[in-house]
Amino acid sequence: MELTLTVEEQELLLNILEQRHRELLKEISHTDHNDFKKTLRNNEKLIEAVLSRLRVESSQEMHV
């Protein structure tokens, strides 16, 4: 899938994902149930991967 975003949309998406990532880290640290914690960690890794890709795209667009 390919998604084309404006610069403003990309910045908004980055901000939302960064905020959710911080919240997720707190939630993981306060969770005792191992299965649920595993699910949260998986989601956290997915968010990190998407953030990484968005940041690369952002930096490439700044240099164009």
PDB file of N, CA and C in Angstrom:
ATOM      1  N   MET A   1       0.841  -1.179   0.000  1.00  0.00           N
ATOM      2  CA  MET A   1       0.000   0.000   0.000  1.00  0.00           C
ATOM      3  C   MET A   1       0.885   1.239   0.000  1.00  0.00           C
ATOM      4  N   GLU A   2       0.480   2.211  -0.740  1.00  0.00           N
ATOM      5  CA  GLU A   2       1.195   3.475  -0.782  1.00  0.00           C
ATOM      6  C   GLU A   2       0.249   4.583  -0.353  1.00  0.00           C
ATOM      7  N   LEU A   3       0.746   5.457   0.507  1.00  0.00           N
ATOM      8  CA  LEU A   3      -0.052   6.546   1.029  1.00  0.00           C
ATOM      9  C   LEU A   3       0.702   7.843   0.795  1.00  0.00           C
ATOM     10  N   THR A   4       0.077   8.779   0.127  1.00  0.00           N
ATOM     11  CA  THR A   4       0.703  10.066  -0.133  1.00  0.00           C
ATOM     12  C   THR A   4       0.100  11.095   0.818  1.00  0.00           C
ATOM     13  N   LEU A   5       0.987  11.768   1.548  1.00  0.00           N
ATOM     14  CA  LEU A   5       0.546  12.764   2.525  1.00  0.00           C
ATOM     15  C   LEU A   5       1.173  14.105   2.211  1.00  0.00           C
ATOM     16  N   THR A   6       0.440  15.167   2.546  1.00  0.00           N
ATOM     17  CA  THR A   6       1.034  16.494   2.470  1.00  0.00           C
ATOM     18  C   THR A   6       2.014  16.618   3.639  1.00  0.00           C
ATOM     19  N   VAL A   7       2.822  17.651   3.610  1.00  0.00           N
ATOM     20  CA  VAL A   7       3.772  17.885   4.699  1.00  0.00           C
ATOM     21  C   VAL A   7       3.021  18.055   6.024  1.00  0.00           C
ATOM     22  N   GLU A   8       1.935  18.796   6.003  1.00  0.00           N
ATOM     23  CA  GLU A   8       1.143  19.018   7.211  1.00  0.00           C
ATOM     24  C   GLU A   8       0.553  17.716   7.737  1.00  0.00           C
ATOM     25  N   GLU A   9       0.041  16.891   6.844  1.00  0.00           N
ATOM     26  CA  GLU A   9      -0.520  15.597   7.248  1.00  0.00           C
ATOM     27  C   GLU A   9       0.564  14.690   7.828  1.00  0.00           C
ATOM     28  N   GLN A  10       1.715  14.721   7.213  1.00  0.00           N
ATOM     29  CA  GLN A  10       2.835  13.904   7.681  1.00  0.00           C
ATOM     30  C   GLN A  10       3.275  14.339   9.080  1.00  0.00           C
ATOM     31  N   GLU A  11       3.363  15.634   9.309  1.00  0.00           N
ATOM     32  CA  GLU A  11       3.730  16.149  10.629  1.00  0.00           C
ATOM     33  C   GLU A  11       2.690  15.776  11.678  1.00  0.00           C
ATOM     34  N   LEU A  12       1.418  15.877  11.318  1.00  0.00           N
ATOM     35  CA  LEU A  12       0.345  15.507  12.238  1.00  0.00           C
ATOM     36  C   LEU A  12       0.419  14.026  12.591  1.00  0.00           C
ATOM     37  N   LEU A  13       0.601  13.200  11.590  1.00  0.00           N
ATOM     38  CA  LEU A  13       0.695  11.764  11.815  1.00  0.00           C
ATOM     39  C   LEU A  13       1.891  11.426  12.704  1.00  0.00           C
ATOM     40  N   LEU A  14       3.019  12.056  12.460  1.00  0.00           N
ATOM     41  CA  LEU A  14       4.201  11.860  13.302  1.00  0.00           C
ATOM     42  C   LEU A  14       3.911  12.241  14.747  1.00  0.00           C
ATOM     43  N   ASN A  15       3.286  13.380  14.945  1.00  0.00           N
ATOM     44  CA  ASN A  15       2.958  13.830  16.304  1.00  0.00           C
ATOM     45  C   ASN A  15       2.010  12.871  17.013  1.00  0.00           C
ATOM     46  N   ILE A  16       0.997  12.411  16.309  1.00  0.00           N
ATOM     47  CA  ILE A  16       0.030  11.476  16.897  1.00  0.00           C
ATOM     48  C   ILE A  16       0.716  10.164  17.266  1.00  0.00           C
ATOM     49  N   LEU A  17       1.532   9.645  16.362  1.00  0.00           N
ATOM     50  CA  LEU A  17       2.218   8.381  16.635  1.00  0.00           C
ATOM     51  C   LEU A  17       3.244   8.520  17.757  1.00  0.00           C
ATOM     52  N   GLU A  18       3.945   9.638  17.804  1.00  0.00           N
ATOM     53  CA  GLU A  18       4.908   9.860  18.887  1.00  0.00           C
ATOM     54  C   GLU A  18       4.206   9.930  20.234  1.00  0.00           C
ATOM     55  N   GLN A  19       3.072  10.601  20.278  1.00  0.00           N
ATOM     56  CA  GLN A  19       2.301  10.694  21.516  1.00  0.00           C
ATOM     57  C   GLN A  19       1.808   9.314  21.943  1.00  0.00           C
ATOM     58  N   ARG A  20       1.267   8.566  20.998  1.00  0.00           N
ATOM     59  CA  ARG A  20       0.774   7.217  21.316  1.00  0.00           C
ATOM     60  C   ARG A  20       1.914   6.311  21.761  1.00  0.00           C
ATOM     61  N   HIS A  21       3.087   6.466  21.152  1.00  0.00           N
ATOM     62  CA  HIS A  21       4.254   5.670  21.522  1.00  0.00           C
ATOM     63  C   HIS A  21       4.623   5.936  22.987  1.00  0.00           C
ATOM     64  N   ARG A  22       4.653   7.194  23.384  1.00  0.00           N
ATOM     65  CA  ARG A  22       4.957   7.535  24.782  1.00  0.00           C
ATOM     66  C   ARG A  22       3.922   6.938  25.730  1.00  0.00           C
ATOM     67  N   GLU A  23       2.652   7.056  25.362  1.00  0.00           N
ATOM     68  CA  GLU A  23       1.580   6.495  26.192  1.00  0.00           C
ATOM     69  C   GLU A  23       1.704   4.980  26.303  1.00  0.00           C
ATOM     70  N   LEU A  24       2.040   4.352  25.210  1.00  0.00           N
ATOM     71  CA  LEU A  24       2.170   2.899  25.171  1.00  0.00           C
ATOM     72  C   LEU A  24       3.310   2.430  26.067  1.00  0.00           C
ATOM     73  N   LEU A  25       4.417   3.155  26.063  1.00  0.00           N
ATOM     74  CA  LEU A  25       5.539   2.795  26.935  1.00  0.00           C
ATOM     75  C   LEU A  25       5.130   2.846  28.410  1.00  0.00           C
ATOM     76  N   LYS A  26       4.363   3.866  28.777  1.00  0.00           N
ATOM     77  CA  LYS A  26       3.864   3.961  30.155  1.00  0.00           C
ATOM     78  C   LYS A  26       2.927   2.800  30.469  1.00  0.00           C
ATOM     79  N   GLU A  27       2.046   2.511  29.530  1.00  0.00           N
ATOM     80  CA  GLU A  27       1.086   1.426  29.715  1.00  0.00           C
ATOM     81  C   GLU A  27       1.802   0.089  29.883  1.00  0.00           C
ATOM     82  N   ILE A  28       2.836  -0.140  29.106  1.00  0.00           N
ATOM     83  CA  ILE A  28       3.610  -1.380  29.207  1.00  0.00           C
ATOM     84  C   ILE A  28       4.234  -1.498  30.593  1.00  0.00           C
ATOM     85  N   SER A  29       4.794  -0.404  31.071  1.00  0.00           N
ATOM     86  CA  SER A  29       5.466  -0.456  32.371  1.00  0.00           C
ATOM     87  C   SER A  29       4.497  -0.694  33.524  1.00  0.00           C
ATOM     88  N   HIS A  30       3.237  -0.374  33.336  1.00  0.00           N
ATOM     89  CA  HIS A  30       2.243  -0.555  34.404  1.00  0.00           C
ATOM     90  C   HIS A  30       1.411  -1.830  34.252  1.00  0.00           C
ATOM     91  N   THR A  31       1.703  -2.619  33.249  1.00  0.00           N
ATOM     92  CA  THR A  31       0.921  -3.828  32.986  1.00  0.00           C
ATOM     93  C   THR A  31       1.599  -5.040  33.597  1.00  0.00           C
ATOM     94  N   ASP A  32       0.818  -5.825  34.312  1.00  0.00           N
ATOM     95  CA  ASP A  32       1.345  -7.029  34.953  1.00  0.00           C
ATOM     96  C   ASP A  32       1.031  -8.298  34.175  1.00  0.00           C
ATOM     97  N   HIS A  33      -0.040  -8.293  33.419  1.00  0.00           N
ATOM     98  CA  HIS A  33      -0.479  -9.484  32.695  1.00  0.00           C
ATOM     99  C   HIS A  33       0.439  -9.714  31.494  1.00  0.00           C
ATOM    100  N   ASN A  34       1.131 -10.844  31.488  1.00  0.00           N
ATOM    101  CA  ASN A  34       2.164 -11.104  30.477  1.00  0.00           C
ATOM    102  C   ASN A  34       1.645 -11.138  29.048  1.00  0.00           C
ATOM    103  N   ASP A  35       0.501 -11.765  28.819  1.00  0.00           N
ATOM    104  CA  ASP A  35      -0.029 -11.829  27.449  1.00  0.00           C
ATOM    105  C   ASP A  35      -0.390 -10.440  26.926  1.00  0.00           C
ATOM    106  N   PHE A  36      -1.002  -9.655  27.795  1.00  0.00           N
ATOM    107  CA  PHE A  36      -1.372  -8.299  27.393  1.00  0.00           C
ATOM    108  C   PHE A  36      -0.118  -7.457  27.163  1.00  0.00           C
ATOM    109  N   LYS A  37       0.880  -7.620  28.026  1.00  0.00           N
ATOM    110  CA  LYS A  37       2.138  -6.887  27.885  1.00  0.00           C
ATOM    111  C   LYS A  37       2.820  -7.242  26.568  1.00  0.00           C
ATOM    112  N   LYS A  38       2.747  -8.513  26.196  1.00  0.00           N
ATOM    113  CA  LYS A  38       3.350  -8.956  24.930  1.00  0.00           C
ATOM    114  C   LYS A  38       2.650  -8.275  23.747  1.00  0.00           C
ATOM    115  N   THR A  39       1.341  -8.179  23.804  1.00  0.00           N
ATOM    116  CA  THR A  39       0.581  -7.504  22.751  1.00  0.00           C
ATOM    117  C   THR A  39       0.962  -6.025  22.675  1.00  0.00           C
ATOM    118  N   LEU A  40       1.068  -5.393  23.831  1.00  0.00           N
ATOM    119  CA  LEU A  40       1.451  -3.978  23.863  1.00  0.00           C
ATOM    120  C   LEU A  40       2.850  -3.775  23.297  1.00  0.00           C
ATOM    121  N   ARG A  41       3.770  -4.659  23.646  1.00  0.00           N
ATOM    122  CA  ARG A  41       5.142  -4.545  23.123  1.00  0.00           C
ATOM    123  C   ARG A  41       5.166  -4.712  21.608  1.00  0.00           C
ATOM    124  N   ASN A  42       4.359  -5.631  21.103  1.00  0.00           N
ATOM    125  CA  ASN A  42       4.282  -5.814  19.656  1.00  0.00           C
ATOM    126  C   ASN A  42       3.766  -4.534  18.985  1.00  0.00           C
ATOM    127  N   ASN A  43       2.727  -3.943  19.565  1.00  0.00           N
ATOM    128  CA  ASN A  43       2.194  -2.690  19.027  1.00  0.00           C
ATOM    129  C   ASN A  43       3.235  -1.583  19.083  1.00  0.00           C
ATOM    130  N   GLU A  44       4.003  -1.558  20.166  1.00  0.00           N
ATOM    131  CA  GLU A  44       5.040  -0.549  20.321  1.00  0.00           C
ATOM    132  C   GLU A  44       6.106  -0.698  19.240  1.00  0.00           C
ATOM    133  N   LYS A  45       6.480  -1.923  18.938  1.00  0.00           N
ATOM    134  CA  LYS A  45       7.472  -2.165  17.885  1.00  0.00           C
ATOM    135  C   LYS A  45       6.942  -1.744  16.521  1.00  0.00           C
ATOM    136  N   LEU A  46       5.666  -2.003  16.273  1.00  0.00           N
ATOM    137  CA  LEU A  46       5.056  -1.590  15.009  1.00  0.00           C
ATOM    138  C   LEU A  46       5.036  -0.075  14.880  1.00  0.00           C
ATOM    139  N   ILE A  47       4.678   0.607  15.959  1.00  0.00           N
ATOM    140  CA  ILE A  47       4.657   2.069  15.941  1.00  0.00           C
ATOM    141  C   ILE A  47       6.063   2.609  15.708  1.00  0.00           C
ATOM    142  N   GLU A  48       7.053   2.024  16.374  1.00  0.00           N
ATOM    143  CA  GLU A  48       8.443   2.453  16.173  1.00  0.00           C
ATOM    144  C   GLU A  48       8.857   2.292  14.710  1.00  0.00           C
ATOM    145  N   ALA A  49       8.463   1.204  14.092  1.00  0.00           N
ATOM    146  CA  ALA A  49       8.824   0.956  12.694  1.00  0.00           C
ATOM    147  C   ALA A  49       8.179   1.990  11.770  1.00  0.00           C
ATOM    148  N   VAL A  50       6.921   2.281  12.005  1.00  0.00           N
ATOM    149  CA  VAL A  50       6.225   3.273  11.175  1.00  0.00           C
ATOM    150  C   VAL A  50       6.831   4.654  11.397  1.00  0.00           C
ATOM    151  N   LEU A  51       7.109   4.997  12.662  1.00  0.00           N
ATOM    152  CA  LEU A  51       7.735   6.285  12.958  1.00  0.00           C
ATOM    153  C   LEU A  51       9.079   6.418  12.252  1.00  0.00           C
ATOM    154  N   SER A  52       9.844   5.368  12.286  1.00  0.00           N
ATOM    155  CA  SER A  52      11.155   5.385  11.645  1.00  0.00           C
ATOM    156  C   SER A  52      11.023   5.659  10.151  1.00  0.00           C
ATOM    157  N   ARG A  53      10.100   4.982   9.518  1.00  0.00           N
ATOM    158  CA  ARG A  53       9.895   5.175   8.077  1.00  0.00           C
ATOM    159  C   ARG A  53       9.396   6.582   7.765  1.00  0.00           C
ATOM    160  N   LEU A  54       8.487   7.088   8.591  1.00  0.00           N
ATOM    161  CA  LEU A  54       7.974   8.442   8.375  1.00  0.00           C
ATOM    162  C   LEU A  54       9.070   9.484   8.562  1.00  0.00           C
ATOM    163  N   ARG A  55       9.930   9.275   9.551  1.00  0.00           N
ATOM    164  CA  ARG A  55      11.021  10.223   9.790  1.00  0.00           C
ATOM    165  C   ARG A  55      11.996  10.234   8.619  1.00  0.00           C
ATOM    166  N   VAL A  56      12.266   9.067   8.060  1.00  0.00           N
ATOM    167  CA  VAL A  56      13.153   8.991   6.895  1.00  0.00           C
ATOM    168  C   VAL A  56      12.530   9.746   5.728  1.00  0.00           C
ATOM    169  N   GLU A  57      11.252   9.514   5.493  1.00  0.00           N
ATOM    170  CA  GLU A  57      10.552  10.214   4.410  1.00  0.00           C
ATOM    171  C   GLU A  57      10.575  11.716   4.642  1.00  0.00           C
ATOM    172  N   SER A  58      10.351  12.137   5.871  1.00  0.00           N
ATOM    173  CA  SER A  58      10.351  13.545   6.219  1.00  0.00           C
ATOM    174  C   SER A  58      11.693  14.199   5.943  1.00  0.00           C
ATOM    175  N   SER A  59      12.742  13.536   6.376  1.00  0.00           N
ATOM    176  CA  SER A  59      14.073  14.107   6.185  1.00  0.00           C
ATOM    177  C   SER A  59      14.459  14.130   4.709  1.00  0.00           C
ATOM    178  N   GLN A  60      14.026  13.145   3.948  1.00  0.00           N
ATOM    179  CA  GLN A  60      14.318  13.132   2.510  1.00  0.00           C
ATOM    180  C   GLN A  60      13.600  14.260   1.796  1.00  0.00           C
ATOM    181  N   GLU A  61      12.377  14.545   2.214  1.00  0.00           N
ATOM    182  CA  GLU A  61      11.621  15.625   1.584  1.00  0.00           C
ATOM    183  C   GLU A  61      12.221  16.981   1.909  1.00  0.00           C
ATOM    184  N   MET A  62      12.833  17.133   3.077  1.00  0.00           N
ATOM    185  CA  MET A  62      13.446  18.408   3.443  1.00  0.00           C
ATOM    186  C   MET A  62      14.671  18.704   2.592  1.00  0.00           C
ATOM    187  N   HIS A  63      15.333  17.654   2.111  1.00  0.00           N
ATOM    188  CA  HIS A  63      16.547  17.828   1.337  1.00  0.00           C
ATOM    189  C   HIS A  63      16.299  17.921  -0.167  1.00  0.00           C
ATOM    190  N   VAL A  64      15.035  17.874  -0.563  1.00  0.00           N
ATOM    191  CA  VAL A  64      14.697  17.941  -1.989  1.00  0.00           C
ATOM    192  C   VAL A  64      14.515  19.370  -2.424  1.00  0.00           C
TER     193      VAL A  64
END
